Amino acid sequence: MESKPIEAPTVAPTPPQPTVTVLDEPRGEKSFIITWLLSVLVGIFGVDRFYLGKIGTGIVKLITFGGLGIWYFVDLIIILCDGMKDKKGNKLADYEKNKILAIILTVVLMALGGVGSALRGPSTWTTTTDTQSETQPANDTPKQDAKWDVEAAYAKIENGMTKAQVEDATGKKSENCTESQIAGYGKSESCSYGNAFTDKASIMVIYTQDKVSSKTKSTY
């Protein structure tokens, strides 16, 4: 009696697996470093969203003072995490080149601001109150400073001016100045002039290579 060989079962070949390619989202023309600077310095007034073309949410952010500060911090975190997009839905340019610098400076500024307020807040209030009570009679009305003409100051600022020339033109000292290095542009610095609470207006000037390159005006 003959035995037949046992044939091995036929295994169907495994079909090739499709290759999935993940494409990076397109990046627009709006600068990450400028958006970050606007968010840190005047983001509570929605200037960062105005810069990105988001006028509607910028107005809401302005009249709510950055959602009482909560919206301000949320937008700042989104910008630092590369989640912010312009009006066209494009991500911000030059994020990879400047993200480390922006994150470090943000942490330093927030730490310095919190420590400074804790150290000088109570002592400043006490000193001011004591000085006024000693130098002014009880019935005297304190003199009010002349209103700052932001329109005239803004018109005097021209591209190419130095910081000293801008201070002379506005009658205000440079405040909240932040320096950074932008790839392809060199040194950049942003400074603000005026106070949103006392002057009801402020001007932010961006210097490139120590010369005025752009300016933004906000009135409240």
C-alpha atoms as a PDB file:
ATOM      1  CA  MET A   1       0.000   0.000   0.000  1.00  0.00           C
ATOM      2  CA  GLU A   2       1.554   3.271  -1.135  1.00  0.00           C
ATOM      3  CA  SER A   3       1.569   6.386   1.152  1.00  0.00           C
ATOM      4  CA  LYS A   4       0.938   9.802  -0.391  1.00  0.00           C
ATOM      5  CA  PRO A   5       3.074  12.763   0.714  1.00  0.00           C
ATOM      6  CA  ILE A   6       1.270  15.371   2.832  1.00  0.00           C
ATOM      7  CA  GLU A   7       1.170  18.696   1.077  1.00  0.00           C
ATOM      8  CA  ALA A   8       1.772  21.872   3.112  1.00  0.00           C
ATOM      9  CA  PRO A   9      -1.139  24.349   3.137  1.00  0.00           C
ATOM     10  CA  THR A  10      -0.804  27.230   0.786  1.00  0.00           C
ATOM     11  CA  VAL A  11      -0.429  30.612   2.570  1.00  0.00           C
ATOM     12  CA  ALA A  12      -1.666  33.645   0.693  1.00  0.00           C
ATOM     13  CA  PRO A  13       0.960  36.392   0.351  1.00  0.00           C
ATOM     14  CA  THR A  14       0.558  39.407   2.624  1.00  0.00           C
ATOM     15  CA  PRO A  15      -0.529  42.463   0.654  1.00  0.00           C
ATOM     16  CA  PRO A  16       1.805  45.455   0.838  1.00  0.00           C
ATOM     17  CA  GLN A  17       0.936  47.973   3.520  1.00  0.00           C
ATOM     18  CA  PRO A  18       0.125  51.494   2.346  1.00  0.00           C
ATOM     19  CA  THR A  19       2.652  54.171   3.224  1.00  0.00           C
ATOM     20  CA  VAL A  20       1.233  57.106   5.175  1.00  0.00           C
ATOM     21  CA  THR A  21       3.029  60.416   4.759  1.00  0.00           C
ATOM     22  CA  VAL A  22       2.345  63.124   7.336  1.00  0.00           C
ATOM     23  CA  LEU A  23       2.633  66.577   5.824  1.00  0.00           C
ATOM     24  CA  ASP A  24       3.492  69.622   7.902  1.00  0.00           C
ATOM     25  CA  GLU A  25       0.843  72.307   8.068  1.00  0.00           C
ATOM     26  CA  PRO A  26       1.637  75.325   5.887  1.00  0.00           C
ATOM     27  CA  ARG A  27       3.158  78.376   7.532  1.00  0.00           C
ATOM     28  CA  GLY A  28       2.061  81.870   6.630  1.00  0.00           C
ATOM     29  CA  GLU A  29       3.779  85.243   6.528  1.00  0.00           C
ATOM     30  CA  LYS A  30       2.916  86.344  10.085  1.00  0.00           C
ATOM     31  CA  SER A  31       5.996  86.249  12.304  1.00  0.00           C
ATOM     32  CA  PHE A  32       6.043  84.111  15.430  1.00  0.00           C
ATOM     33  CA  ILE A  33       8.449  86.435  17.254  1.00  0.00           C
ATOM     34  CA  ILE A  34       6.336  89.543  16.573  1.00  0.00           C
ATOM     35  CA  THR A  35       3.146  87.752  17.620  1.00  0.00           C
ATOM     36  CA  TRP A  36       4.855  86.577  20.809  1.00  0.00           C
ATOM     37  CA  LEU A  37       6.154  90.077  21.616  1.00  0.00           C
ATOM     38  CA  LEU A  38       2.709  91.608  21.082  1.00  0.00           C
ATOM     39  CA  SER A  39       1.124  88.910  23.235  1.00  0.00           C
ATOM     40  CA  VAL A  40       3.573  89.461  26.109  1.00  0.00           C
ATOM     41  CA  LEU A  41       3.538  93.274  26.051  1.00  0.00           C
ATOM     42  CA  VAL A  42       0.025  94.282  24.960  1.00  0.00           C
ATOM     43  CA  GLY A  43      -1.795  90.972  24.573  1.00  0.00           C
ATOM     44  CA  ILE A  44      -4.252  91.931  27.306  1.00  0.00           C
ATOM     45  CA  PHE A  45      -5.635  94.500  24.833  1.00  0.00           C
ATOM     46  CA  GLY A  46      -5.924  91.999  21.953  1.00  0.00           C
ATOM     47  CA  VAL A  47      -3.142  93.564  19.848  1.00  0.00           C
ATOM     48  CA  ASP A  48      -1.694  90.125  19.053  1.00  0.00           C
ATOM     49  CA  ARG A  49      -5.005  89.022  17.518  1.00  0.00           C
ATOM     50  CA  PHE A  50      -5.326  92.278  15.569  1.00  0.00           C
ATOM     51  CA  TYR A  51      -1.857  91.574  14.108  1.00  0.00           C
ATOM     52  CA  LEU A  52      -2.982  88.097  12.976  1.00  0.00           C
ATOM     53  CA  GLY A  53      -6.059  89.569  11.278  1.00  0.00           C
ATOM     54  CA  LYS A  54      -8.541  88.252  13.855  1.00  0.00           C
ATOM     55  CA  ILE A  55     -10.347  91.558  14.339  1.00  0.00           C
ATOM     56  CA  GLY A  56     -13.520  90.168  15.930  1.00  0.00           C
ATOM     57  CA  THR A  57     -11.858  88.220  18.729  1.00  0.00           C
ATOM     58  CA  GLY A  58      -9.325  91.026  19.102  1.00  0.00           C
ATOM     59  CA  ILE A  59     -12.101  93.492  19.934  1.00  0.00           C
ATOM     60  CA  VAL A  60     -13.655  91.066  22.430  1.00  0.00           C
ATOM     61  CA  LYS A  61     -10.277  90.521  24.044  1.00  0.00           C
ATOM     62  CA  LEU A  62      -9.748  94.290  24.215  1.00  0.00           C
ATOM     63  CA  ILE A  63     -13.031  95.182  25.925  1.00  0.00           C
ATOM     64  CA  THR A  64     -12.678  92.307  28.417  1.00  0.00           C
ATOM     65  CA  PHE A  65      -9.029  93.136  29.180  1.00  0.00           C
ATOM     66  CA  GLY A  66      -7.886  89.738  27.971  1.00  0.00           C
ATOM     67  CA  GLY A  67     -10.763  87.914  29.602  1.00  0.00           C
ATOM     68  CA  LEU A  68      -9.701  89.397  32.957  1.00  0.00           C
ATOM     69  CA  GLY A  69      -6.223  88.018  32.332  1.00  0.00           C
ATOM     70  CA  ILE A  70      -7.246  84.413  31.689  1.00  0.00           C
ATOM     71  CA  TRP A  71      -7.502  84.788  27.899  1.00  0.00           C
ATOM     72  CA  TYR A  72      -4.155  86.622  27.927  1.00  0.00           C
ATOM     73  CA  PHE A  73      -2.340  83.637  29.442  1.00  0.00           C
ATOM     74  CA  VAL A  74      -4.207  81.092  27.308  1.00  0.00           C
ATOM     75  CA  ASP A  75      -3.231  82.853  24.062  1.00  0.00           C
ATOM     76  CA  LEU A  76       0.373  83.216  25.233  1.00  0.00           C
ATOM     77  CA  ILE A  77       0.613  79.482  25.962  1.00  0.00           C
ATOM     78  CA  ILE A  78      -0.973  78.612  22.591  1.00  0.00           C
ATOM     79  CA  ILE A  79       1.564  80.833  20.799  1.00  0.00           C
ATOM     80  CA  LEU A  80       4.510  79.260  22.644  1.00  0.00           C
ATOM     81  CA  CYS A  81       3.203  75.750  21.817  1.00  0.00           C
ATOM     82  CA  ASP A  82       2.894  76.548  18.070  1.00  0.00           C
ATOM     83  CA  GLY A  83      -0.887  76.285  18.169  1.00  0.00           C
ATOM     84  CA  MET A  84      -1.716  79.839  17.091  1.00  0.00           C
ATOM     85  CA  LYS A  85      -2.716  80.420  13.461  1.00  0.00           C
ATOM     86  CA  ASP A  86      -3.382  83.529  11.405  1.00  0.00           C
ATOM     87  CA  LYS A  87      -6.733  84.468   9.876  1.00  0.00           C
ATOM     88  CA  LYS A  88      -6.042  82.224   6.855  1.00  0.00           C
ATOM     89  CA  GLY A  89      -5.393  79.172   9.034  1.00  0.00           C
ATOM     90  CA  ASN A  90      -1.609  79.149   8.541  1.00  0.00           C
ATOM     91  CA  LYS A  91       0.840  78.579  11.362  1.00  0.00           C
ATOM     92  CA  LEU A  92       3.320  81.297  12.313  1.00  0.00           C
ATOM     93  CA  ALA A  93       6.644  81.627  10.487  1.00  0.00           C
ATOM     94  CA  ASP A  94      10.083  81.063  12.108  1.00  0.00           C
ATOM     95  CA  TYR A  95       8.690  79.157  15.105  1.00  0.00           C
ATOM     96  CA  GLU A  96      11.431  76.517  15.234  1.00  0.00           C
ATOM     97  CA  LYS A  97      14.208  79.138  15.130  1.00  0.00           C
ATOM     98  CA  ASN A  98      12.873  81.286  17.964  1.00  0.00           C
ATOM     99  CA  LYS A  99      10.755  79.054  20.229  1.00  0.00           C
ATOM    100  CA  ILE A 100      13.483  78.318  22.824  1.00  0.00           C
ATOM    101  CA  LEU A 101      14.371  82.004  23.208  1.00  0.00           C
ATOM    102  CA  ALA A 102      10.702  82.996  23.506  1.00  0.00           C
ATOM    103  CA  ILE A 103       9.948  80.359  26.154  1.00  0.00           C
ATOM    104  CA  ILE A 104      12.988  81.302  28.267  1.00  0.00           C
ATOM    105  CA  LEU A 105      12.244  85.041  28.099  1.00  0.00           C
ATOM    106  CA  THR A 106       8.580  84.472  28.949  1.00  0.00           C
ATOM    107  CA  VAL A 107       9.454  82.489  32.073  1.00  0.00           C
ATOM    108  CA  VAL A 108      12.022  85.110  33.144  1.00  0.00           C
ATOM    109  CA  LEU A 109       9.633  88.037  32.580  1.00  0.00           C
ATOM    110  CA  MET A 110       6.786  86.362  34.450  1.00  0.00           C
ATOM    111  CA  ALA A 111       9.090  85.491  37.360  1.00  0.00           C
ATOM    112  CA  LEU A 112      10.531  89.017  37.571  1.00  0.00           C
ATOM    113  CA  GLY A 113       7.076  90.603  37.352  1.00  0.00           C
ATOM    114  CA  GLY A 114       5.663  88.475  40.157  1.00  0.00           C
ATOM    115  CA  VAL A 115       8.657  88.981  42.466  1.00  0.00           C
ATOM    116  CA  GLY A 116       8.777  92.724  41.773  1.00  0.00           C
ATOM    117  CA  SER A 117       5.095  93.217  42.571  1.00  0.00           C
ATOM    118  CA  ALA A 118       5.400  91.237  45.792  1.00  0.00           C
ATOM    119  CA  LEU A 119       8.439  93.231  46.938  1.00  0.00           C
ATOM    120  CA  ARG A 120       7.455  96.797  46.087  1.00  0.00           C
ATOM    121  CA  GLY A 121       3.638  96.785  46.150  1.00  0.00           C
ATOM    122  CA  PRO A 122       2.878  97.367  49.882  1.00  0.00           C
ATOM    123  CA  SER A 123       5.927  99.585  50.563  1.00  0.00           C
ATOM    124  CA  THR A 124       5.155 101.862  47.587  1.00  0.00           C
ATOM    125  CA  TRP A 125       1.559 102.339  48.747  1.00  0.00           C
ATOM    126  CA  THR A 126       2.637 103.212  52.296  1.00  0.00           C
ATOM    127  CA  THR A 127       5.328 105.649  51.170  1.00  0.00           C
ATOM    128  CA  THR A 128       3.020 107.462  48.766  1.00  0.00           C
ATOM    129  CA  THR A 129       0.286 107.829  51.351  1.00  0.00           C
ATOM    130  CA  ASP A 130       2.654 109.168  54.019  1.00  0.00           C
ATOM    131  CA  THR A 131       4.226 111.693  51.638  1.00  0.00           C
ATOM    132  CA  GLN A 132       0.886 113.101  50.527  1.00  0.00           C
ATOM    133  CA  SER A 133      -0.384 113.480  54.091  1.00  0.00           C
ATOM    134  CA  GLU A 134       2.767 115.354  55.166  1.00  0.00           C
ATOM    135  CA  THR A 135       3.172 117.721  52.204  1.00  0.00           C
ATOM    136  CA  GLN A 136      -0.420 118.616  51.250  1.00  0.00           C
ATOM    137  CA  PRO A 137      -2.991 120.473  53.328  1.00  0.00           C
ATOM    138  CA  ALA A 138      -6.174 118.585  54.109  1.00  0.00           C
ATOM    139  CA  ASN A 139      -8.376 120.672  51.818  1.00  0.00           C
ATOM    140  CA  ASP A 140      -6.030 120.951  48.830  1.00  0.00           C
ATOM    141  CA  THR A 141      -6.966 119.117  45.629  1.00  0.00           C
ATOM    142  CA  PRO A 142      -4.005 117.315  43.975  1.00  0.00           C
ATOM    143  CA  LYS A 143      -3.021 118.734  40.637  1.00  0.00           C
ATOM    144  CA  GLN A 144      -3.785 116.589  37.616  1.00  0.00           C
ATOM    145  CA  ASP A 145      -1.116 116.049  34.961  1.00  0.00           C
ATOM    146  CA  ALA A 146      -1.845 117.395  31.496  1.00  0.00           C
ATOM    147  CA  LYS A 147      -3.435 114.789  29.230  1.00  0.00           C
ATOM    148  CA  TRP A 148      -0.958 113.068  26.946  1.00  0.00           C
ATOM    149  CA  ASP A 149      -1.673 113.737  23.261  1.00  0.00           C
ATOM    150  CA  VAL A 150      -1.130 110.244  21.842  1.00  0.00           C
ATOM    151  CA  GLU A 151      -2.160 111.270  18.323  1.00  0.00           C
ATOM    152  CA  ALA A 152       0.508 113.967  18.140  1.00  0.00           C
ATOM    153  CA  ALA A 153       3.130 111.690  19.686  1.00  0.00           C
ATOM    154  CA  TYR A 154       2.290 108.861  17.271  1.00  0.00           C
ATOM    155  CA  ALA A 155       2.541 111.190  14.261  1.00  0.00           C
ATOM    156  CA  LYS A 156       6.035 112.325  15.290  1.00  0.00           C
ATOM    157  CA  ILE A 157       7.465 108.786  15.301  1.00  0.00           C
ATOM    158  CA  GLU A 158       9.105 107.941  11.963  1.00  0.00           C
ATOM    159  CA  ASN A 159      10.984 104.913  10.669  1.00  0.00           C
ATOM    160  CA  GLY A 160      14.724 105.182  11.236  1.00  0.00           C
ATOM    161  CA  MET A 161      14.482 107.160  14.482  1.00  0.00           C
ATOM    162  CA  THR A 162      16.568 106.113  17.491  1.00  0.00           C
ATOM    163  CA  LYS A 163      15.167 105.346  20.921  1.00  0.00           C
ATOM    164  CA  ALA A 164      16.292 108.740  22.266  1.00  0.00           C
ATOM    165  CA  GLN A 165      14.545 110.520  19.399  1.00  0.00           C
ATOM    166  CA  VAL A 166      11.333 108.579  20.056  1.00  0.00           C
ATOM    167  CA  GLU A 167      11.468 109.513  23.745  1.00  0.00           C
ATOM    168  CA  ASP A 168      11.833 113.201  22.799  1.00  0.00           C
ATOM    169  CA  ALA A 169       8.971 112.940  20.296  1.00  0.00           C
ATOM    170  CA  THR A 170       6.554 111.205  22.687  1.00  0.00           C
ATOM    171  CA  GLY A 171       7.640 112.853  25.935  1.00  0.00           C
ATOM    172  CA  LYS A 172       7.692 109.376  27.495  1.00  0.00           C
ATOM    173  CA  LYS A 173      10.452 107.090  28.675  1.00  0.00           C
ATOM    174  CA  SER A 174      10.932 103.692  27.040  1.00  0.00           C
ATOM    175  CA  GLU A 175       9.254 101.000  29.164  1.00  0.00           C
ATOM    176  CA  ASN A 176       8.921  97.197  29.080  1.00  0.00           C
ATOM    177  CA  CYS A 177      11.707  96.920  26.499  1.00  0.00           C
ATOM    178  CA  THR A 178      12.421  93.368  25.318  1.00  0.00           C
ATOM    179  CA  GLU A 179      15.356  92.411  23.088  1.00  0.00           C
ATOM    180  CA  SER A 180      15.608  89.388  20.800  1.00  0.00           C
ATOM    181  CA  GLN A 181      17.590  88.082  17.860  1.00  0.00           C
ATOM    182  CA  ILE A 182      15.546  87.364  14.727  1.00  0.00           C
ATOM    183  CA  ALA A 183      17.148  85.142  12.084  1.00  0.00           C
ATOM    184  CA  GLY A 184      17.802  87.147   8.931  1.00  0.00           C
ATOM    185  CA  TYR A 185      17.059  90.500  10.630  1.00  0.00           C
ATOM    186  CA  GLY A 186      19.523  90.704  13.502  1.00  0.00           C
ATOM    187  CA  LYS A 187      18.793  92.477  16.771  1.00  0.00           C
ATOM    188  CA  SER A 188      15.179  93.451  17.462  1.00  0.00           C
ATOM    189  CA  GLU A 189      13.758  95.340  20.423  1.00  0.00           C
ATOM    190  CA  SER A 190      10.222  96.363  21.344  1.00  0.00           C
ATOM    191  CA  CYS A 191       9.397  99.203  23.773  1.00  0.00           C
ATOM    192  CA  SER A 192       6.131 100.719  24.948  1.00  0.00           C
ATOM    193  CA  TYR A 193       5.329 104.390  25.632  1.00  0.00           C
ATOM    194  CA  GLY A 194       2.433 105.635  27.720  1.00  0.00           C
ATOM    195  CA  ASN A 195       0.199 103.860  30.207  1.00  0.00           C
ATOM    196  CA  ALA A 196      -3.144 102.272  29.430  1.00  0.00           C
ATOM    197  CA  PHE A 197      -4.592 103.227  32.815  1.00  0.00           C
ATOM    198  CA  THR A 198      -3.256 106.764  33.398  1.00  0.00           C
ATOM    199  CA  ASP A 199      -2.890 107.980  29.804  1.00  0.00           C
ATOM    200  CA  LYS A 200      -5.730 105.896  28.328  1.00  0.00           C
ATOM    201  CA  ALA A 201      -3.406 105.153  25.411  1.00  0.00           C
ATOM    202  CA  SER A 202      -0.103 103.483  24.599  1.00  0.00           C
ATOM    203  CA  ILE A 203       2.302 103.211  21.690  1.00  0.00           C
ATOM    204  CA  MET A 204       4.446 100.153  20.999  1.00  0.00           C
ATOM    205  CA  VAL A 205       7.551 100.662  18.854  1.00  0.00           C
ATOM    206  CA  ILE A 206       9.684  97.876  17.380  1.00  0.00           C
ATOM    207  CA  TYR A 207      13.349  98.695  16.721  1.00  0.00           C
ATOM    208  CA  THR A 208      15.447  96.730  14.248  1.00  0.00           C
ATOM    209  CA  GLN A 209      19.179  97.384  14.501  1.00  0.00           C
ATOM    210  CA  ASP A 210      18.383 100.225  16.987  1.00  0.00           C
ATOM    211  CA  LYS A 211      16.165 102.032  14.461  1.00  0.00           C
ATOM    212  CA  VAL A 212      12.373 102.286  14.340  1.00  0.00           C
ATOM    213  CA  SER A 213      10.926  99.668  11.975  1.00  0.00           C
ATOM    214  CA  SER A 214       7.246  99.641  12.998  1.00  0.00           C
ATOM    215  CA  LYS A 215       4.811 101.195  15.459  1.00  0.00           C
ATOM    216  CA  THR A 216       1.383 100.349  16.884  1.00  0.00           C
ATOM    217  CA  LYS A 217      -1.058 102.682  18.680  1.00  0.00           C
ATOM    218  CA  SER A 218      -3.769 101.642  21.149  1.00  0.00           C
ATOM    219  CA  THR A 219      -6.363 103.909  22.767  1.00  0.00           C
ATOM    220  CA  TYR A 220      -8.839 102.968  25.486  1.00  0.00           C
END
